[in-house]
Amino acid sequence: MGVRGFARRVNDPGSVVHGVVSTGLAAGLVLIEPRKLTTGRRLAYRGVVAAVTAWTVWASLRPGSSSEADPVGPVGRAAVTTGAAGAAFGAAEAGEAIDARLHDGLASAGARRPRLWLAAAAAALSAAAWWIGRLGDRIDIDDADTWDEPTQFVVDVPEDVRALAVQLLSATDECGAPELRVQFDGARLVSYDEGRVETGFAQFDTPEGFSRAVPGDATFPVIGRFRALEDRTFDVRLVVENGRLDSIHIHEGADWTPAEQAAWNDAGHDITDLGAWPLPEQIDLLVETPAGYRPLQP
């Protein structure tokens, strides 16, 4: 699972990844005893609590896919998330007072490590809340009028996707490129949309029996950068899993600032807004170096 796949799952309140991360954050925050923090560290602690609250609310309001309705909308989602963060920060003092009472009560009852007991309780409550929410989502799916398992199609690689993959794989002989080129010669694509391939992501069906690429799990070091949608940068990347060419993606540019990424997300944009894969002549080849991505030298 790549970085983009992990991000999607961690922001999906119904995914196991989200449940594990949110439970871990809840337990980790409770392990900290606010009374022992300095003024500056307590403010930072409260800021983290507010940020985690905001993320949880934002994820719960976010549509699971581009095909789902978004009744709140990006502006409404931002407003509710901001309000939740403010409420969490404003209620921090009262919450810390309750925390102190619970801690002292457990200590008086003979608990040797009351903070661990509180963290375990917080983890249990967080996991239970996630499970109940996930169960509710499953009930909604089961109650739908119809549910058809998507049909998988294996199709030839479209010329626009093939040209991009060949361009990246031909740019170097490092990182298993020769093996990946051999695999790609016989590769096809997996589609769940009646044979159509979406813009921004394509899953390869690579043939068996060929030599594995090394490293076996990696993003290919050569990427293709192009500009579109108000001169924003986007990166075309190849992903290798278990030594085989797995997929090709378009990502937001690695040179985006956090503010640019936030503005893109808040506006509800998606890679499919590009409408088409770029042409080979539209991309510049970059290679990953210790100093980041740099233009590939001929």
Protein backbone atom coordinates (compact mmCIF):
# COMPACT_ATOMS: atom_id res chain seq x y z
CA MET A 1 0.00 0.00 0.00
CA GLY A 2 1.58 3.28 -1.11
CA VAL A 3 1.47 6.67 0.58
CA ARG A 4 -1.59 7.72 -1.39
CA GLY A 5 -3.42 4.50 -0.53
CA PHE A 6 -2.56 4.90 3.15
CA ALA A 7 -3.80 8.50 3.13
CA ARG A 8 -7.08 7.43 1.60
CA ARG A 9 -7.60 4.70 4.18
CA VAL A 10 -6.58 6.78 7.18
CA ASN A 11 -9.09 9.46 6.15
CA ASP A 12 -11.86 6.90 5.58
CA PRO A 13 -13.70 6.51 8.92
CA GLY A 14 -14.88 3.04 7.91
CA SER A 15 -11.41 1.64 7.24
CA VAL A 16 -9.39 -0.45 9.67
CA VAL A 17 -6.42 1.87 9.19
CA HIS A 18 -8.51 4.81 10.40
CA GLY A 19 -9.70 2.81 13.40
CA VAL A 20 -6.16 1.82 14.38
CA VAL A 21 -4.74 5.33 13.96
CA SER A 22 -7.60 7.08 15.79
CA THR A 23 -7.47 4.54 18.64
CA GLY A 24 -3.71 4.94 18.94
CA LEU A 25 -3.99 8.73 19.02
CA ALA A 26 -6.68 8.61 21.70
CA ALA A 27 -4.62 6.31 23.91
CA GLY A 28 -1.41 8.22 23.28
CA LEU A 29 -2.91 11.55 24.32
CA VAL A 30 -4.33 10.10 27.53
CA LEU A 31 -0.91 8.70 28.45
CA ILE A 32 0.22 12.32 28.88
CA GLU A 33 -0.64 13.87 32.25
CA PRO A 34 -1.46 17.56 31.60
CA ARG A 35 -0.78 18.61 35.22
CA LYS A 36 2.91 17.81 34.80
CA LEU A 37 3.34 19.93 31.67
CA THR A 38 4.79 23.42 31.59
CA THR A 39 2.56 26.23 30.39
CA GLY A 40 4.02 26.14 26.88
CA ARG A 41 3.82 22.37 26.60
CA ARG A 42 0.27 22.37 27.92
CA LEU A 43 -0.75 24.81 25.19
CA ALA A 44 0.92 22.54 22.63
CA TYR A 45 -0.88 19.53 24.12
CA ARG A 46 -4.22 21.30 23.86
CA GLY A 47 -3.43 22.21 20.27
CA VAL A 48 -2.77 18.57 19.43
CA VAL A 49 -6.05 17.53 21.07
CA ALA A 50 -7.89 20.16 19.03
CA ALA A 51 -6.13 19.04 15.83
CA VAL A 52 -7.00 15.37 16.40
CA THR A 53 -10.61 16.36 17.09
CA ALA A 54 -10.71 18.42 13.89
CA TRP A 55 -9.26 15.55 11.83
CA THR A 56 -11.78 13.07 13.24
CA VAL A 57 -14.71 15.38 12.45
CA TRP A 58 -13.36 16.22 8.99
CA ALA A 59 -12.89 12.54 8.12
CA SER A 60 -16.40 11.65 9.31
CA LEU A 61 -17.94 14.36 7.09
CA ARG A 62 -15.84 13.54 4.03
CA PRO A 63 -17.55 11.52 1.25
CA GLY A 64 -16.03 8.08 0.83
CA SER A 65 -15.56 8.49 -2.94
CA SER A 66 -16.09 11.01 -5.72
CA SER A 67 -19.35 9.25 -6.63
CA GLU A 68 -20.93 9.76 -3.21
CA ALA A 69 -23.04 12.79 -2.39
CA ASP A 70 -21.38 15.56 -0.39
CA PRO A 71 -24.30 17.30 1.36
CA VAL A 72 -22.09 19.43 3.61
CA GLY A 73 -19.69 20.56 0.90
CA PRO A 74 -16.09 21.70 1.35
CA VAL A 75 -17.06 25.06 2.87
CA GLY A 76 -19.48 23.51 5.35
CA ARG A 77 -16.98 20.77 6.18
CA ALA A 78 -14.29 23.36 6.88
CA ALA A 79 -16.67 25.37 9.09
CA VAL A 80 -17.78 22.38 11.16
CA THR A 81 -14.20 21.16 11.49
CA THR A 82 -13.00 24.57 12.64
CA GLY A 83 -15.84 24.78 15.15
CA ALA A 84 -15.01 21.33 16.52
CA ALA A 85 -11.35 22.27 16.95
CA GLY A 86 -12.33 25.50 18.73
CA ALA A 87 -14.75 23.66 21.02
CA ALA A 88 -12.09 21.07 21.89
CA PHE A 89 -9.58 23.79 22.71
CA GLY A 90 -12.12 25.76 24.74
CA ALA A 91 -13.15 22.71 26.77
CA ALA A 92 -9.56 21.64 27.40
CA GLU A 93 -9.38 22.99 30.96
CA ALA A 94 -12.58 21.23 32.01
CA GLY A 95 -11.41 18.01 30.35
CA GLU A 96 -8.08 18.17 32.14
CA ALA A 97 -9.86 18.65 35.46
CA ILE A 98 -11.94 15.51 34.84
CA ASP A 99 -8.78 13.67 33.80
CA ALA A 100 -7.10 14.66 37.06
CA ARG A 101 -10.05 13.43 39.14
CA LEU A 102 -10.15 10.11 37.35
CA HIS A 103 -6.39 9.69 37.72
CA ASP A 104 -6.46 10.49 41.45
CA GLY A 105 -9.50 8.28 41.97
CA LEU A 106 -7.75 5.30 40.41
CA ALA A 107 -4.63 6.00 42.45
CA SER A 108 -6.69 6.14 45.66
CA ALA A 109 -8.32 2.84 44.73
CA GLY A 110 -4.89 1.21 44.63
CA ALA A 111 -4.11 1.25 40.89
CA ARG A 112 -0.33 1.16 40.50
CA ARG A 113 -0.33 2.84 37.07
CA PRO A 114 -3.55 4.83 36.76
CA ARG A 115 -2.39 6.56 33.59
CA LEU A 116 -2.17 3.22 31.77
CA TRP A 117 -5.66 2.31 32.95
CA LEU A 118 -6.99 5.62 31.61
CA ALA A 119 -5.22 5.09 28.28
CA ALA A 120 -6.66 1.58 28.00
CA ALA A 121 -10.15 2.93 28.67
CA ALA A 122 -9.70 5.69 26.09
CA ALA A 123 -8.51 3.15 23.50
CA ALA A 124 -11.48 0.88 24.22
CA LEU A 125 -13.97 3.74 23.89
CA SER A 126 -12.34 4.98 20.67
CA ALA A 127 -12.30 1.49 19.15
CA ALA A 128 -15.93 0.93 20.17
CA ALA A 129 -17.00 4.25 18.63
CA TRP A 130 -15.19 3.39 15.39
CA TRP A 131 -16.75 -0.08 15.28
CA ILE A 132 -20.27 1.24 15.87
CA GLY A 133 -19.80 3.81 13.09
CA ARG A 134 -18.44 1.16 10.74
CA LEU A 135 -21.32 -1.18 11.58
CA GLY A 136 -23.76 1.61 10.77
CA ASP A 137 -22.11 2.08 7.37
CA ARG A 138 -22.43 -1.65 6.68
CA ILE A 139 -26.11 -1.60 7.62
CA ASP A 140 -26.66 1.29 5.21
CA ILE A 141 -25.01 -0.72 2.44
CA ASP A 142 -27.02 -3.84 3.24
CA ASP A 143 -30.23 -1.82 3.21
CA ALA A 144 -29.57 -0.45 -0.27
CA ASP A 145 -31.94 -1.61 -2.99
CA THR A 146 -29.25 -3.35 -5.01
CA TRP A 147 -25.56 -4.07 -4.66
CA ASP A 148 -23.66 -5.63 -7.52
CA GLU A 149 -20.09 -6.77 -7.09
CA PRO A 150 -18.04 -4.85 -9.68
CA THR A 151 -16.97 -6.89 -12.68
CA GLN A 152 -13.27 -6.99 -13.40
CA PHE A 153 -12.11 -6.44 -16.97
CA VAL A 154 -8.58 -7.02 -18.26
CA VAL A 155 -7.90 -4.76 -21.23
CA ASP A 156 -5.01 -3.66 -23.40
CA VAL A 157 -2.96 -0.75 -22.09
CA PRO A 158 -4.22 2.45 -23.77
CA GLU A 159 -1.64 4.24 -25.89
CA ASP A 160 -1.55 7.36 -23.69
CA VAL A 161 -0.80 5.29 -20.58
CA ARG A 162 1.64 3.03 -22.45
CA ALA A 163 3.60 6.00 -23.80
CA LEU A 164 4.03 7.48 -20.31
CA ALA A 165 5.10 4.18 -18.74
CA VAL A 166 7.62 3.51 -21.51
CA GLN A 167 9.03 7.02 -21.16
CA LEU A 168 9.63 6.61 -17.41
CA LEU A 169 11.00 3.07 -17.61
CA SER A 170 13.37 3.95 -20.48
CA ALA A 171 14.94 6.86 -18.61
CA THR A 172 17.26 4.71 -16.46
CA ASP A 173 18.62 1.21 -16.01
CA GLU A 174 18.66 1.53 -12.22
CA CYS A 175 16.18 0.16 -9.67
CA GLY A 176 15.10 -2.87 -11.68
CA ALA A 177 14.18 -0.88 -14.80
CA PRO A 178 15.30 -3.63 -17.26
CA GLU A 179 13.14 -6.24 -15.50
CA LEU A 180 10.20 -3.84 -15.33
CA ARG A 181 10.47 -3.12 -19.06
CA VAL A 182 10.29 -6.83 -19.82
CA GLN A 183 7.25 -7.19 -17.56
CA PHE A 184 5.56 -4.18 -19.15
CA ASP A 185 5.92 -5.59 -22.67
CA GLY A 186 3.27 -8.18 -21.79
CA ALA A 187 1.27 -6.15 -19.29
CA ARG A 188 -2.42 -5.36 -19.53
CA LEU A 189 -4.71 -3.22 -17.39
CA VAL A 190 -7.36 -4.13 -14.82
CA SER A 191 -10.57 -2.10 -15.12
CA TYR A 192 -13.76 -2.10 -13.06
CA ASP A 193 -15.56 0.38 -15.30
CA GLU A 194 -16.60 -1.75 -18.27
CA GLY A 195 -13.08 -1.66 -19.66
CA ARG A 196 -12.58 2.08 -19.28
CA VAL A 197 -9.48 3.46 -17.54
CA GLU A 198 -9.88 6.39 -15.19
CA THR A 199 -7.68 9.45 -15.37
CA GLY A 200 -4.92 9.40 -12.80
CA PHE A 201 -4.76 5.71 -11.87
CA ALA A 202 -4.27 2.48 -13.77
CA GLN A 203 -3.64 -1.00 -12.31
CA PHE A 204 -1.39 -3.30 -14.32
CA ASP A 205 -1.93 -7.02 -14.80
CA THR A 206 1.67 -8.10 -15.31
CA PRO A 207 2.56 -11.59 -16.61
CA GLU A 208 3.98 -14.26 -14.31
CA GLY A 209 7.31 -16.00 -14.75
CA PHE A 210 9.56 -12.99 -15.37
CA SER A 211 12.43 -11.89 -13.16
CA ARG A 212 11.50 -9.73 -10.18
CA ALA A 213 12.64 -6.13 -9.98
CA VAL A 214 14.74 -4.99 -7.02
CA PRO A 215 13.77 -3.18 -4.87
CA GLY A 216 10.60 -5.22 -4.79
CA ASP A 217 8.34 -2.61 -3.14
CA ALA A 218 8.99 0.95 -4.17
CA THR A 219 7.99 3.97 -6.18
CA PHE A 220 10.11 4.06 -9.33
CA PRO A 221 12.71 6.83 -8.86
CA VAL A 222 12.02 8.55 -12.21
CA ILE A 223 8.81 10.56 -12.33
CA GLY A 224 7.18 12.73 -14.98
CA ARG A 225 6.13 16.25 -13.95
CA PHE A 226 3.69 18.35 -15.95
CA ARG A 227 1.53 21.43 -15.46
CA ALA A 228 -2.25 21.71 -15.71
CA LEU A 229 -5.29 23.25 -13.98
CA GLU A 230 -4.13 26.83 -13.42
CA ASP A 231 -0.45 25.94 -13.85
CA ARG A 232 -0.32 23.49 -10.95
CA THR A 233 2.31 20.76 -11.06
CA PHE A 234 1.38 17.08 -11.13
CA ASP A 235 3.62 14.00 -10.98
CA VAL A 236 3.25 10.73 -12.90
CA ARG A 237 4.65 7.83 -10.83
CA LEU A 238 5.09 4.08 -11.31
CA VAL A 239 4.61 1.77 -8.32
CA VAL A 240 6.35 -1.59 -7.90
CA GLU A 241 4.99 -4.22 -5.51
CA ASN A 242 6.50 -7.63 -4.81
CA GLY A 243 8.99 -7.14 -7.62
CA ARG A 244 6.33 -6.55 -10.27
CA LEU A 245 5.09 -3.44 -12.01
CA ASP A 246 1.88 -2.71 -10.14
CA SER A 247 0.34 0.60 -11.20
CA ILE A 248 0.77 4.09 -12.59
CA HIS A 249 -0.57 7.14 -10.76
CA ILE A 250 -0.87 10.88 -11.14
CA HIS A 251 -0.23 12.65 -7.83
CA GLU A 252 -0.34 16.26 -6.75
CA GLY A 253 3.12 17.76 -7.33
CA ALA A 254 5.72 16.91 -4.70
CA ASP A 255 6.71 20.60 -4.75
CA TRP A 256 3.32 21.80 -3.49
CA THR A 257 3.37 23.77 -0.27
CA PRO A 258 1.07 22.71 2.61
CA ALA A 259 -1.07 25.76 1.88
CA GLU A 260 -1.47 24.76 -1.78
CA GLN A 261 -2.38 21.20 -0.78
CA ALA A 262 -4.94 22.46 1.76
CA ALA A 263 -6.52 24.83 -0.77
CA TRP A 264 -6.78 21.97 -3.30
CA ASN A 265 -8.43 19.67 -0.76
CA ASP A 266 -10.78 22.32 0.62
CA ALA A 267 -11.98 23.16 -2.88
CA GLY A 268 -12.99 19.52 -3.35
CA HIS A 269 -10.61 18.97 -6.26
CA ASP A 270 -9.57 15.51 -7.42
CA ILE A 271 -7.01 14.16 -9.87
CA THR A 272 -9.84 13.17 -12.20
CA ASP A 273 -10.42 16.90 -12.74
CA LEU A 274 -7.47 16.68 -15.16
CA GLY A 275 -9.75 14.92 -17.62
CA ALA A 276 -6.96 13.06 -19.45
CA TRP A 277 -3.47 11.64 -19.05
CA PRO A 278 -0.70 14.01 -20.17
CA LEU A 279 1.15 13.53 -23.45
CA PRO A 280 4.81 12.41 -23.24
CA GLU A 281 5.98 15.75 -24.65
CA GLN A 282 4.19 17.57 -21.83
CA ILE A 283 6.21 16.02 -19.02
CA ASP A 284 9.68 16.72 -17.67
CA LEU A 285 11.61 13.74 -16.31
CA LEU A 286 12.84 14.07 -12.72
CA VAL A 287 14.82 11.60 -10.65
CA GLU A 288 14.74 11.15 -6.89
CA THR A 289 17.95 12.20 -5.13
CA PRO A 290 18.96 12.74 -1.49
CA ALA A 291 18.11 16.41 -2.07
CA GLY A 292 14.67 15.65 -3.50
CA TYR A 293 13.52 15.37 -7.11
CA ARG A 294 15.91 16.89 -9.64
CA PRO A 295 15.81 17.11 -13.48
CA LEU A 296 17.15 13.95 -15.06
CA GLN A 297 20.47 14.58 -16.74
CA PRO A 298 20.78 13.21 -20.30
